[in-house]
Amino acid sequence: MMIDWKAYKQELGKMVGEIGTVSPDIVTGYKALSKAGDNTGHLDRKTRELIALAVAVTRQCDGSITIHLDEAVKAGAKKEEIVEALGVAINVNAGATLVYASRAMDALLSKTS
């Protein structure tokens, strides 16, 4: 069975709350950082959430995936837009893998020269 994303998001919220109880400045600082980009007005909320979702996928962060997917949907993102953003994440990861594969080739060639 796949992840129960609703339950996961609730549990994540509880654990972040625990961190905030012990060290409120950590959570307050994170929230301030998260809100900083909202104030520029250069990108709309939906675009920001689609970018955040793509980054969450490339970073393999389930917490960010559940948060930003929900926020993207709330901001009006359609399934097709979400899939396109996920396609960008797939493309970036494939490109990064190709770049690092070339580094491995460089290492190999330096040993055989």
PDB file of N, CA and C in Angstrom:
ATOM      1  N   MET A   1       0.844  -1.189   0.000  1.00  0.00           N
ATOM      2  CA  MET A   1       0.000   0.000   0.000  1.00  0.00           C
ATOM      3  C   MET A   1       0.884   1.246   0.000  1.00  0.00           C
ATOM      4  N   MET A   2       0.426   2.249  -0.663  1.00  0.00           N
ATOM      5  CA  MET A   2       1.129   3.523  -0.695  1.00  0.00           C
ATOM      6  C   MET A   2       0.962   4.229   0.652  1.00  0.00           C
ATOM      7  N   ILE A   3       1.658   5.317   0.800  1.00  0.00           N
ATOM      8  CA  ILE A   3       1.627   6.101   2.037  1.00  0.00           C
ATOM      9  C   ILE A   3       0.233   6.694   2.254  1.00  0.00           C
ATOM     10  N   ASP A   4      -0.224   6.692   3.487  1.00  0.00           N
ATOM     11  CA  ASP A   4      -1.434   7.419   3.872  1.00  0.00           C
ATOM     12  C   ASP A   4      -1.000   8.870   4.096  1.00  0.00           C
ATOM     13  N   TRP A   5      -1.084   9.675   3.037  1.00  0.00           N
ATOM     14  CA  TRP A   5      -0.531  11.033   3.052  1.00  0.00           C
ATOM     15  C   TRP A   5      -1.214  11.932   4.067  1.00  0.00           C
ATOM     16  N   LYS A   6      -2.527  11.741   4.261  1.00  0.00           N
ATOM     17  CA  LYS A   6      -3.251  12.567   5.227  1.00  0.00           C
ATOM     18  C   LYS A   6      -2.732  12.290   6.641  1.00  0.00           C
ATOM     19  N   ALA A   7      -2.608  11.022   6.989  1.00  0.00           N
ATOM     20  CA  ALA A   7      -2.100  10.657   8.321  1.00  0.00           C
ATOM     21  C   ALA A   7      -0.644  11.102   8.476  1.00  0.00           C
ATOM     22  N   TYR A   8       0.134  10.933   7.411  1.00  0.00           N
ATOM     23  CA  TYR A   8       1.542  11.344   7.457  1.00  0.00           C
ATOM     24  C   TYR A   8       1.661  12.839   7.723  1.00  0.00           C
ATOM     25  N   LYS A   9       0.846  13.627   7.035  1.00  0.00           N
ATOM     26  CA  LYS A   9       0.894  15.084   7.206  1.00  0.00           C
ATOM     27  C   LYS A   9       0.518  15.474   8.633  1.00  0.00           C
ATOM     28  N   GLN A  10      -0.484  14.800   9.198  1.00  0.00           N
ATOM     29  CA  GLN A  10      -0.887  15.087  10.574  1.00  0.00           C
ATOM     30  C   GLN A  10       0.236  14.732  11.553  1.00  0.00           C
ATOM     31  N   GLU A  11       0.861  13.575  11.355  1.00  0.00           N
ATOM     32  CA  GLU A  11       1.950  13.155  12.244  1.00  0.00           C
ATOM     33  C   GLU A  11       3.145  14.105  12.117  1.00  0.00           C
ATOM     34  N   LEU A  12       3.435  14.516  10.897  1.00  0.00           N
ATOM     35  CA  LEU A  12       4.515  15.466  10.658  1.00  0.00           C
ATOM     36  C   LEU A  12       4.257  16.772  11.410  1.00  0.00           C
ATOM     37  N   GLY A  13       3.012  17.237  11.340  1.00  0.00           N
ATOM     38  CA  GLY A  13       2.648  18.457  12.062  1.00  0.00           C
ATOM     39  C   GLY A  13       2.869  18.327  13.564  1.00  0.00           C
ATOM     40  N   LYS A  14       2.544  17.159  14.104  1.00  0.00           N
ATOM     41  CA  LYS A  14       2.762  16.924  15.539  1.00  0.00           C
ATOM     42  C   LYS A  14       4.251  16.979  15.882  1.00  0.00           C
ATOM     43  N   MET A  15       5.064  16.361  15.055  1.00  0.00           N
ATOM     44  CA  MET A  15       6.498  16.317  15.342  1.00  0.00           C
ATOM     45  C   MET A  15       7.142  17.692  15.192  1.00  0.00           C
ATOM     46  N   VAL A  16       6.711  18.452  14.192  1.00  0.00           N
ATOM     47  CA  VAL A  16       7.215  19.819  14.047  1.00  0.00           C
ATOM     48  C   VAL A  16       6.771  20.640  15.252  1.00  0.00           C
ATOM     49  N   GLY A  17       5.551  20.398  15.733  1.00  0.00           N
ATOM     50  CA  GLY A  17       5.079  21.065  16.949  1.00  0.00           C
ATOM     51  C   GLY A  17       5.952  20.745  18.144  1.00  0.00           C
ATOM     52  N   GLU A  18       6.409  19.501  18.238  1.00  0.00           N
ATOM     53  CA  GLU A  18       7.316  19.108  19.320  1.00  0.00           C
ATOM     54  C   GLU A  18       8.624  19.886  19.235  1.00  0.00           C
ATOM     55  N   ILE A  19       9.154  20.004  18.029  1.00  0.00           N
ATOM     56  CA  ILE A  19      10.387  20.779  17.841  1.00  0.00           C
ATOM     57  C   ILE A  19      10.144  22.223  18.281  1.00  0.00           C
ATOM     58  N   GLY A  20       8.998  22.772  17.888  1.00  0.00           N
ATOM     59  CA  GLY A  20       8.655  24.140  18.263  1.00  0.00           C
ATOM     60  C   GLY A  20       8.482  24.334  19.750  1.00  0.00           C
ATOM     61  N   THR A  21       8.038  23.297  20.441  1.00  0.00           N
ATOM     62  CA  THR A  21       7.900  23.369  21.893  1.00  0.00           C
ATOM     63  C   THR A  21       9.265  23.482  22.565  1.00  0.00           C
ATOM     64  N   VAL A  22      10.199  22.701  22.067  1.00  0.00           N
ATOM     65  CA  VAL A  22      11.541  22.702  22.655  1.00  0.00           C
ATOM     66  C   VAL A  22      12.323  23.936  22.223  1.00  0.00           C
ATOM     67  N   SER A  23      12.200  24.294  20.950  1.00  0.00           N
ATOM     68  CA  SER A  23      12.953  25.438  20.423  1.00  0.00           C
ATOM     69  C   SER A  23      12.068  26.236  19.459  1.00  0.00           C
ATOM     70  N   PRO A  24      11.249  27.128  19.980  1.00  0.00           N
ATOM     71  CA  PRO A  24      10.327  27.889  19.135  1.00  0.00           C
ATOM     72  C   PRO A  24      11.022  28.687  18.026  1.00  0.00           C
ATOM     73  N   ASP A  25      12.243  29.143  18.276  1.00  0.00           N
ATOM     74  CA  ASP A  25      12.941  29.953  17.278  1.00  0.00           C
ATOM     75  C   ASP A  25      13.211  29.175  15.995  1.00  0.00           C
ATOM     76  N   ILE A  26      13.422  27.863  16.097  1.00  0.00           N
ATOM     77  CA  ILE A  26      13.660  27.058  14.895  1.00  0.00           C
ATOM     78  C   ILE A  26      12.439  27.112  13.989  1.00  0.00           C
ATOM     79  N   VAL A  27      11.269  26.860  14.553  1.00  0.00           N
ATOM     80  CA  VAL A  27      10.046  26.839  13.757  1.00  0.00           C
ATOM     81  C   VAL A  27       9.670  28.245  13.300  1.00  0.00           C
ATOM     82  N   THR A  28       9.830  29.223  14.168  1.00  0.00           N
ATOM     83  CA  THR A  28       9.540  30.608  13.795  1.00  0.00           C
ATOM     84  C   THR A  28      10.442  31.048  12.643  1.00  0.00           C
ATOM     85  N   GLY A  29      11.727  30.724  12.738  1.00  0.00           N
ATOM     86  CA  GLY A  29      12.673  31.070  11.673  1.00  0.00           C
ATOM     87  C   GLY A  29      12.331  30.392  10.363  1.00  0.00           C
ATOM     88  N   TYR A  30      11.943  29.118  10.434  1.00  0.00           N
ATOM     89  CA  TYR A  30      11.559  28.381   9.228  1.00  0.00           C
ATOM     90  C   TYR A  30      10.332  29.020   8.584  1.00  0.00           C
ATOM     91  N   LYS A  31       9.347  29.360   9.399  1.00  0.00           N
ATOM     92  CA  LYS A  31       8.135  29.990   8.864  1.00  0.00           C
ATOM     93  C   LYS A  31       8.453  31.332   8.216  1.00  0.00           C
ATOM     94  N   ALA A  32       9.346  32.117   8.833  1.00  0.00           N
ATOM     95  CA  ALA A  32       9.737  33.405   8.252  1.00  0.00           C
ATOM     96  C   ALA A  32      10.422  33.206   6.905  1.00  0.00           C
ATOM     97  N   LEU A  33      11.298  32.210   6.836  1.00  0.00           N
ATOM     98  CA  LEU A  33      11.971  31.901   5.577  1.00  0.00           C
ATOM     99  C   LEU A  33      10.964  31.472   4.511  1.00  0.00           C
ATOM    100  N   SER A  34      10.017  30.643   4.910  1.00  0.00           N
ATOM    101  CA  SER A  34       8.995  30.165   3.975  1.00  0.00           C
ATOM    102  C   SER A  34       8.137  31.298   3.438  1.00  0.00           C
ATOM    103  N   LYS A  35       7.860  32.289   4.263  1.00  0.00           N
ATOM    104  CA  LYS A  35       6.999  33.411   3.866  1.00  0.00           C
ATOM    105  C   LYS A  35       7.741  34.500   3.097  1.00  0.00           C
ATOM    106  N   ALA A  36       9.063  34.514   3.187  1.00  0.00           N
ATOM    107  CA  ALA A  36       9.853  35.603   2.594  1.00  0.00           C
ATOM    108  C   ALA A  36       9.570  35.779   1.104  1.00  0.00           C
ATOM    109  N   GLY A  37       9.512  34.697   0.366  1.00  0.00           N
ATOM    110  CA  GLY A  37       9.272  34.796  -1.064  1.00  0.00           C
ATOM    111  C   GLY A  37       7.866  35.240  -1.418  1.00  0.00           C
ATOM    112  N   ASP A  38       6.926  34.995  -0.527  1.00  0.00           N
ATOM    113  CA  ASP A  38       5.541  35.392  -0.786  1.00  0.00           C
ATOM    114  C   ASP A  38       5.391  36.896  -0.933  1.00  0.00           C
ATOM    115  N   ASN A  39       6.311  37.634  -0.355  1.00  0.00           N
ATOM    116  CA  ASN A  39       6.181  39.083  -0.314  1.00  0.00           C
ATOM    117  C   ASN A  39       6.696  39.793  -1.561  1.00  0.00           C
ATOM    118  N   THR A  40       7.351  39.075  -2.462  1.00  0.00           N
ATOM    119  CA  THR A  40       7.908  39.747  -3.638  1.00  0.00           C
ATOM    120  C   THR A  40       6.858  40.052  -4.689  1.00  0.00           C
ATOM    121  N   GLY A  41       5.881  39.174  -4.834  1.00  0.00           N
ATOM    122  CA  GLY A  41       4.842  39.379  -5.833  1.00  0.00           C
ATOM    123  C   GLY A  41       5.266  39.047  -7.258  1.00  0.00           C
ATOM    124  N   HIS A  42       6.456  38.495  -7.437  1.00  0.00           N
ATOM    125  CA  HIS A  42       6.928  38.175  -8.785  1.00  0.00           C
ATOM    126  C   HIS A  42       6.331  36.886  -9.330  1.00  0.00           C
ATOM    127  N   LEU A  43       6.112  35.903  -8.471  1.00  0.00           N
ATOM    128  CA  LEU A  43       5.491  34.645  -8.873  1.00  0.00           C
ATOM    129  C   LEU A  43       4.181  34.490  -8.122  1.00  0.00           C
ATOM    130  N   ASP A  44       3.185  33.942  -8.801  1.00  0.00           N
ATOM    131  CA  ASP A  44       1.941  33.700  -8.085  1.00  0.00           C
ATOM    132  C   ASP A  44       2.074  32.455  -7.209  1.00  0.00           C
ATOM    133  N   ARG A  45       1.121  32.295  -6.309  1.00  0.00           N
ATOM    134  CA  ARG A  45       1.182  31.208  -5.321  1.00  0.00           C
ATOM    135  C   ARG A  45       1.230  29.836  -5.983  1.00  0.00           C
ATOM    136  N   LYS A  46       0.417  29.632  -7.007  1.00  0.00           N
ATOM    137  CA  LYS A  46       0.381  28.334  -7.685  1.00  0.00           C
ATOM    138  C   LYS A  46       1.743  27.995  -8.278  1.00  0.00           C
ATOM    139  N   THR A  47       2.368  28.946  -8.944  1.00  0.00           N
ATOM    140  CA  THR A  47       3.686  28.720  -9.546  1.00  0.00           C
ATOM    141  C   THR A  47       4.716  28.395  -8.480  1.00  0.00           C
ATOM    142  N   ARG A  48       4.695  29.148  -7.389  1.00  0.00           N
ATOM    143  CA  ARG A  48       5.639  28.895  -6.286  1.00  0.00           C
ATOM    144  C   ARG A  48       5.453  27.486  -5.724  1.00  0.00           C
ATOM    145  N   GLU A  49       4.213  27.058  -5.572  1.00  0.00           N
ATOM    146  CA  GLU A  49       3.953  25.732  -5.011  1.00  0.00           C
ATOM    147  C   GLU A  49       4.334  24.625  -5.988  1.00  0.00           C
ATOM    148  N   LEU A  50       4.145  24.850  -7.273  1.00  0.00           N
ATOM    149  CA  LEU A  50       4.570  23.855  -8.265  1.00  0.00           C
ATOM    150  C   LEU A  50       6.096  23.722  -8.282  1.00  0.00           C
ATOM    151  N   ILE A  51       6.788  24.846  -8.167  1.00  0.00           N
ATOM    152  CA  ILE A  51       8.255  24.802  -8.076  1.00  0.00           C
ATOM    153  C   ILE A  51       8.668  24.075  -6.800  1.00  0.00           C
ATOM    154  N   ALA A  52       8.024  24.419  -5.689  1.00  0.00           N
ATOM    155  CA  ALA A  52       8.356  23.775  -4.418  1.00  0.00           C
ATOM    156  C   ALA A  52       8.109  22.267  -4.482  1.00  0.00           C
ATOM    157  N   LEU A  53       7.043  21.860  -5.141  1.00  0.00           N
ATOM    158  CA  LEU A  53       6.756  20.435  -5.291  1.00  0.00           C
ATOM    159  C   LEU A  53       7.845  19.747  -6.106  1.00  0.00           C
ATOM    160  N   ALA A  54       8.246  20.358  -7.210  1.00  0.00           N
ATOM    161  CA  ALA A  54       9.310  19.772  -8.034  1.00  0.00           C
ATOM    162  C   ALA A  54      10.614  19.657  -7.241  1.00  0.00           C
ATOM    163  N   VAL A  55      10.937  20.681  -6.480  1.00  0.00           N
ATOM    164  CA  VAL A  55      12.149  20.629  -5.652  1.00  0.00           C
ATOM    165  C   VAL A  55      12.004  19.547  -4.585  1.00  0.00           C
ATOM    166  N   ALA A  56      10.831  19.439  -3.978  1.00  0.00           N
ATOM    167  CA  ALA A  56      10.593  18.416  -2.957  1.00  0.00           C
ATOM    168  C   ALA A  56      10.835  17.018  -3.518  1.00  0.00           C
ATOM    169  N   VAL A  57      10.417  16.804  -4.751  1.00  0.00           N
ATOM    170  CA  VAL A  57      10.639  15.506  -5.392  1.00  0.00           C
ATOM    171  C   VAL A  57      12.133  15.287  -5.621  1.00  0.00           C
ATOM    172  N   THR A  58      12.838  16.301  -6.105  1.00  0.00           N
ATOM    173  CA  THR A  58      14.271  16.126  -6.359  1.00  0.00           C
ATOM    174  C   THR A  58      15.037  15.928  -5.060  1.00  0.00           C
ATOM    175  N   ARG A  59      14.541  16.499  -3.968  1.00  0.00           N
ATOM    176  CA  ARG A  59      15.190  16.342  -2.655  1.00  0.00           C
ATOM    177  C   ARG A  59      14.706  15.088  -1.931  1.00  0.00           C
ATOM    178  N   GLN A  60      13.717  14.411  -2.506  1.00  0.00           N
ATOM    179  CA  GLN A  60      13.143  13.182  -1.942  1.00  0.00           C
ATOM    180  C   GLN A  60      12.631  13.406  -0.524  1.00  0.00           C
ATOM    181  N   CYS A  61      11.868  14.488  -0.359  1.00  0.00           N
ATOM    182  CA  CYS A  61      11.351  14.870   0.958  1.00  0.00           C
ATOM    183  C   CYS A  61       9.833  14.664   0.997  1.00  0.00           C
ATOM    184  N   ASP A  62       9.417  13.558   1.624  1.00  0.00           N
ATOM    185  CA  ASP A  62       7.990  13.260   1.710  1.00  0.00           C
ATOM    186  C   ASP A  62       7.200  14.359   2.400  1.00  0.00           C
ATOM    187  N   GLY A  63       7.777  14.951   3.435  1.00  0.00           N
ATOM    188  CA  GLY A  63       7.088  16.028   4.140  1.00  0.00           C
ATOM    189  C   GLY A  63       6.799  17.204   3.226  1.00  0.00           C
ATOM    190  N   SER A  64       7.801  17.610   2.469  1.00  0.00           N
ATOM    191  CA  SER A  64       7.606  18.730   1.543  1.00  0.00           C
ATOM    192  C   SER A  64       6.663  18.350   0.414  1.00  0.00           C
ATOM    193  N   ILE A  65       6.714  17.100  -0.020  1.00  0.00           N
ATOM    194  CA  ILE A  65       5.800  16.658  -1.083  1.00  0.00           C
ATOM    195  C   ILE A  65       4.356  16.817  -0.619  1.00  0.00           C
ATOM    196  N   THR A  66       4.033  16.310   0.562  1.00  0.00           N
ATOM    197  CA  THR A  66       2.641  16.369   1.026  1.00  0.00           C
ATOM    198  C   THR A  66       2.180  17.804   1.264  1.00  0.00           C
ATOM    199  N   ILE A  67       3.045  18.625   1.821  1.00  0.00           N
ATOM    200  CA  ILE A  67       2.677  20.026   2.089  1.00  0.00           C
ATOM    201  C   ILE A  67       2.480  20.788   0.784  1.00  0.00           C
ATOM    202  N   HIS A  68       3.460  20.717  -0.105  1.00  0.00           N
ATOM    203  CA  HIS A  68       3.405  21.540  -1.319  1.00  0.00           C
ATOM    204  C   HIS A  68       2.414  21.013  -2.349  1.00  0.00           C
ATOM    205  N   LEU A  69       2.151  19.714  -2.356  1.00  0.00           N
ATOM    206  CA  LEU A  69       1.102  19.198  -3.233  1.00  0.00           C
ATOM    207  C   LEU A  69      -0.251  19.742  -2.783  1.00  0.00           C
ATOM    208  N   ASP A  70      -0.519  19.663  -1.476  1.00  0.00           N
ATOM    209  CA  ASP A  70      -1.774  20.213  -0.954  1.00  0.00           C
ATOM    210  C   ASP A  70      -1.897  21.704  -1.262  1.00  0.00           C
ATOM    211  N   GLU A  71      -0.821  22.441  -1.049  1.00  0.00           N
ATOM    212  CA  GLU A  71      -0.860  23.886  -1.295  1.00  0.00           C
ATOM    213  C   GLU A  71      -1.025  24.207  -2.784  1.00  0.00           C
ATOM    214  N   ALA A  72      -0.402  23.415  -3.644  1.00  0.00           N
ATOM    215  CA  ALA A  72      -0.556  23.637  -5.092  1.00  0.00           C
ATOM    216  C   ALA A  72      -2.010  23.422  -5.515  1.00  0.00           C
ATOM    217  N   VAL A  73      -2.622  22.369  -5.005  1.00  0.00           N
ATOM    218  CA  VAL A  73      -4.029  22.106  -5.323  1.00  0.00           C
ATOM    219  C   VAL A  73      -4.912  23.238  -4.796  1.00  0.00           C
ATOM    220  N   LYS A  74      -4.663  23.674  -3.557  1.00  0.00           N
ATOM    221  CA  LYS A  74      -5.431  24.790  -2.990  1.00  0.00           C
ATOM    222  C   LYS A  74      -5.264  26.059  -3.819  1.00  0.00           C
ATOM    223  N   ALA A  75      -4.081  26.224  -4.433  1.00  0.00           N
ATOM    224  CA  ALA A  75      -3.817  27.422  -5.240  1.00  0.00           C
ATOM    225  C   ALA A  75      -4.378  27.286  -6.657  1.00  0.00           C
ATOM    226  N   GLY A  76      -5.024  26.148  -6.936  1.00  0.00           N
ATOM    227  CA  GLY A  76      -5.681  25.982  -8.231  1.00  0.00           C
ATOM    228  C   GLY A  76      -4.918  25.157  -9.254  1.00  0.00           C
ATOM    229  N   ALA A  77      -3.837  24.517  -8.858  1.00  0.00           N
ATOM    230  CA  ALA A  77      -3.079  23.700  -9.809  1.00  0.00           C
ATOM    231  C   ALA A  77      -3.916  22.504 -10.242  1.00  0.00           C
ATOM    232  N   LYS A  78      -3.932  22.295 -11.534  1.00  0.00           N
ATOM    233  CA  LYS A  78      -4.646  21.152 -12.099  1.00  0.00           C
ATOM    234  C   LYS A  78      -3.699  19.956 -12.199  1.00  0.00           C
ATOM    235  N   LYS A  79      -4.273  18.780 -12.313  1.00  0.00           N
ATOM    236  CA  LYS A  79      -3.491  17.543 -12.405  1.00  0.00           C
ATOM    237  C   LYS A  79      -2.428  17.643 -13.495  1.00  0.00           C
ATOM    238  N   GLU A  80      -2.792  18.183 -14.644  1.00  0.00           N
ATOM    239  CA  GLU A  80      -1.856  18.287 -15.764  1.00  0.00           C
ATOM    240  C   GLU A  80      -0.680  19.206 -15.430  1.00  0.00           C
ATOM    241  N   GLU A  81      -0.938  20.288 -14.691  1.00  0.00           N
ATOM    242  CA  GLU A  81       0.131  21.201 -14.283  1.00  0.00           C
ATOM    243  C   GLU A  81       1.058  20.526 -13.276  1.00  0.00           C
ATOM    244  N   ILE A  82       0.471  19.762 -12.373  1.00  0.00           N
ATOM    245  CA  ILE A  82       1.266  19.046 -11.380  1.00  0.00           C
ATOM    246  C   ILE A  82       2.153  18.012 -12.068  1.00  0.00           C
ATOM    247  N   VAL A  83       1.583  17.276 -13.018  1.00  0.00           N
ATOM    248  CA  VAL A  83       2.372  16.276 -13.744  1.00  0.00           C
ATOM    249  C   VAL A  83       3.494  16.947 -14.533  1.00  0.00           C
ATOM    250  N   GLU A  84       3.217  18.103 -15.125  1.00  0.00           N
ATOM    251  CA  GLU A  84       4.274  18.816 -15.853  1.00  0.00           C
ATOM    252  C   GLU A  84       5.390  19.252 -14.909  1.00  0.00           C
ATOM    253  N   ALA A  85       5.038  19.746 -13.735  1.00  0.00           N
ATOM    254  CA  ALA A  85       6.058  20.124 -12.742  1.00  0.00           C
ATOM    255  C   ALA A  85       6.868  18.902 -12.325  1.00  0.00           C
ATOM    256  N   LEU A  86       6.202  17.769 -12.136  1.00  0.00           N
ATOM    257  CA  LEU A  86       6.910  16.534 -11.797  1.00  0.00           C
ATOM    258  C   LEU A  86       7.828  16.110 -12.942  1.00  0.00           C
ATOM    259  N   GLY A  87       7.397  16.342 -14.168  1.00  0.00           N
ATOM    260  CA  GLY A  87       8.238  16.052 -15.328  1.00  0.00           C
ATOM    261  C   GLY A  87       9.503  16.888 -15.333  1.00  0.00           C
ATOM    262  N   VAL A  88       9.384  18.139 -14.908  1.00  0.00           N
ATOM    263  CA  VAL A  88      10.579  18.996 -14.790  1.00  0.00           C
ATOM    264  C   VAL A  88      11.534  18.408 -13.760  1.00  0.00           C
ATOM    265  N   ALA A  89      10.996  17.952 -12.620  1.00  0.00           N
ATOM    266  CA  ALA A  89      11.837  17.346 -11.586  1.00  0.00           C
ATOM    267  C   ALA A  89      12.545  16.105 -12.128  1.00  0.00           C
ATOM    268  N   ILE A  90      11.826  15.289 -12.870  1.00  0.00           N
ATOM    269  CA  ILE A  90      12.419  14.083 -13.464  1.00  0.00           C
ATOM    270  C   ILE A  90      13.534  14.470 -14.424  1.00  0.00           C
ATOM    271  N   ASN A  91      13.280  15.478 -15.241  1.00  0.00           N
ATOM    272  CA  ASN A  91      14.271  15.936 -16.212  1.00  0.00           C
ATOM    273  C   ASN A  91      15.531  16.459 -15.525  1.00  0.00           C
ATOM    274  N   VAL A  92      15.349  17.266 -14.475  1.00  0.00           N
ATOM    275  CA  VAL A  92      16.497  17.828 -13.756  1.00  0.00           C
ATOM    276  C   VAL A  92      17.330  16.704 -13.138  1.00  0.00           C
ATOM    277  N   ASN A  93      16.655  15.733 -12.542  1.00  0.00           N
ATOM    278  CA  ASN A  93      17.385  14.618 -11.942  1.00  0.00           C
ATOM    279  C   ASN A  93      18.114  13.793 -12.990  1.00  0.00           C
ATOM    280  N   ALA A  94      17.499  13.592 -14.136  1.00  0.00           N
ATOM    281  CA  ALA A  94      18.175  12.860 -15.214  1.00  0.00           C
ATOM    282  C   ALA A  94      19.393  13.645 -15.690  1.00  0.00           C
ATOM    283  N   GLY A  95      19.243  14.955 -15.821  1.00  0.00           N
ATOM    284  CA  GLY A  95      20.366  15.799 -16.239  1.00  0.00           C
ATOM    285  C   GLY A  95      21.491  15.790 -15.223  1.00  0.00           C
ATOM    286  N   ALA A  96      21.136  15.870 -13.953  1.00  0.00           N
ATOM    287  CA  ALA A  96      22.157  15.835 -12.902  1.00  0.00           C
ATOM    288  C   ALA A  96      22.886  14.496 -12.904  1.00  0.00           C
ATOM    289  N   THR A  97      22.157  13.421 -13.145  1.00  0.00           N
ATOM    290  CA  THR A  97      22.775  12.100 -13.216  1.00  0.00           C
ATOM    291  C   THR A  97      23.734  12.026 -14.393  1.00  0.00           C
ATOM    292  N   LEU A  98      23.343  12.596 -15.522  1.00  0.00           N
ATOM    293  CA  LEU A  98      24.221  12.608 -16.687  1.00  0.00           C
ATOM    294  C   LEU A  98      25.492  13.401 -16.407  1.00  0.00           C
ATOM    295  N   VAL A  99      25.360  14.535 -15.753  1.00  0.00           N
ATOM    296  CA  VAL A  99      26.525  15.347 -15.403  1.00  0.00           C
ATOM    297  C   VAL A  99      27.463  14.564 -14.484  1.00  0.00           C
ATOM    298  N   TYR A 100      26.923  13.915 -13.463  1.00  0.00           N
ATOM    299  CA  TYR A 100      27.771  13.162 -12.539  1.00  0.00           C
ATOM    300  C   TYR A 100      28.304  11.883 -13.170  1.00  0.00           C
ATOM    301  N   ALA A 101      27.591  11.334 -14.140  1.00  0.00           N
ATOM    302  CA  ALA A 101      28.140  10.206 -14.892  1.00  0.00           C
ATOM    303  C   ALA A 101      29.372  10.655 -15.673  1.00  0.00           C
ATOM    304  N   SER A 102      29.332  11.882 -16.193  1.00  0.00           N
ATOM    305  CA  SER A 102      30.506  12.396 -16.907  1.00  0.00           C
ATOM    306  C   SER A 102      31.679  12.597 -15.953  1.00  0.00           C
ATOM    307  N   ARG A 103      31.400  12.938 -14.702  1.00  0.00           N
ATOM    308  CA  ARG A 103      32.464  13.059 -13.695  1.00  0.00           C
ATOM    309  C   ARG A 103      33.086  11.688 -13.420  1.00  0.00           C
ATOM    310  N   ALA A 104      32.231  10.665 -13.366  1.00  0.00           N
ATOM    311  CA  ALA A 104      32.749   9.312 -13.171  1.00  0.00           C
ATOM    312  C   ALA A 104      33.626   8.906 -14.359  1.00  0.00           C
ATOM    313  N   MET A 105      33.200   9.268 -15.549  1.00  0.00           N
ATOM    314  CA  MET A 105      34.025   8.982 -16.740  1.00  0.00           C
ATOM    315  C   MET A 105      35.355   9.711 -16.667  1.00  0.00           C
ATOM    316  N   ASP A 106      35.326  10.955 -16.223  1.00  0.00           N
ATOM    317  CA  ASP A 106      36.557  11.734 -16.054  1.00  0.00           C
ATOM    318  C   ASP A 106      37.499  11.027 -15.072  1.00  0.00           C
ATOM    319  N   ALA A 107      36.935  10.540 -13.964  1.00  0.00           N
ATOM    320  CA  ALA A 107      37.743   9.820 -12.977  1.00  0.00           C
ATOM    321  C   ALA A 107      38.323   8.546 -13.597  1.00  0.00           C
ATOM    322  N   LEU A 108      37.506   7.841 -14.367  1.00  0.00           N
ATOM    323  CA  LEU A 108      37.975   6.618 -15.017  1.00  0.00           C
ATOM    324  C   LEU A 108      39.098   6.922 -16.010  1.00  0.00           C
ATOM    325  N   LEU A 109      38.876   7.921 -16.833  1.00  0.00           N
ATOM    326  CA  LEU A 109      39.880   8.268 -17.848  1.00  0.00           C
ATOM    327  C   LEU A 109      41.161   8.758 -17.218  1.00  0.00           C
ATOM    328  N   SER A 110      41.078   9.447 -16.086  1.00  0.00           N
ATOM    329  CA  SER A 110      42.306   9.921 -15.433  1.00  0.00           C
ATOM    330  C   SER A 110      43.122   8.758 -14.872  1.00  0.00           C
ATOM    331  N   LYS A 111      42.482   7.642 -14.579  1.00  0.00           N
ATOM    332  CA  LYS A 111      43.187   6.473 -14.060  1.00  0.00           C
ATOM    333  C   LYS A 111      43.818   5.652 -15.178  1.00  0.00           C
ATOM    334  N   THR A 112      43.263   5.782 -16.379  1.00  0.00           N
ATOM    335  CA  THR A 112      43.782   4.982 -17.500  1.00  0.00           C
ATOM    336  C   THR A 112      44.731   5.757 -18.392  1.00  0.00           C
ATOM    337  N   SER A 113      44.933   7.017 -18.072  1.00  0.00           N
ATOM    338  CA  SER A 113      45.831   7.844 -18.912  1.00  0.00           C
ATOM    339  C   SER A 113      47.271   7.683 -18.506  1.00  0.00           C
TER     340      SER A 113
END
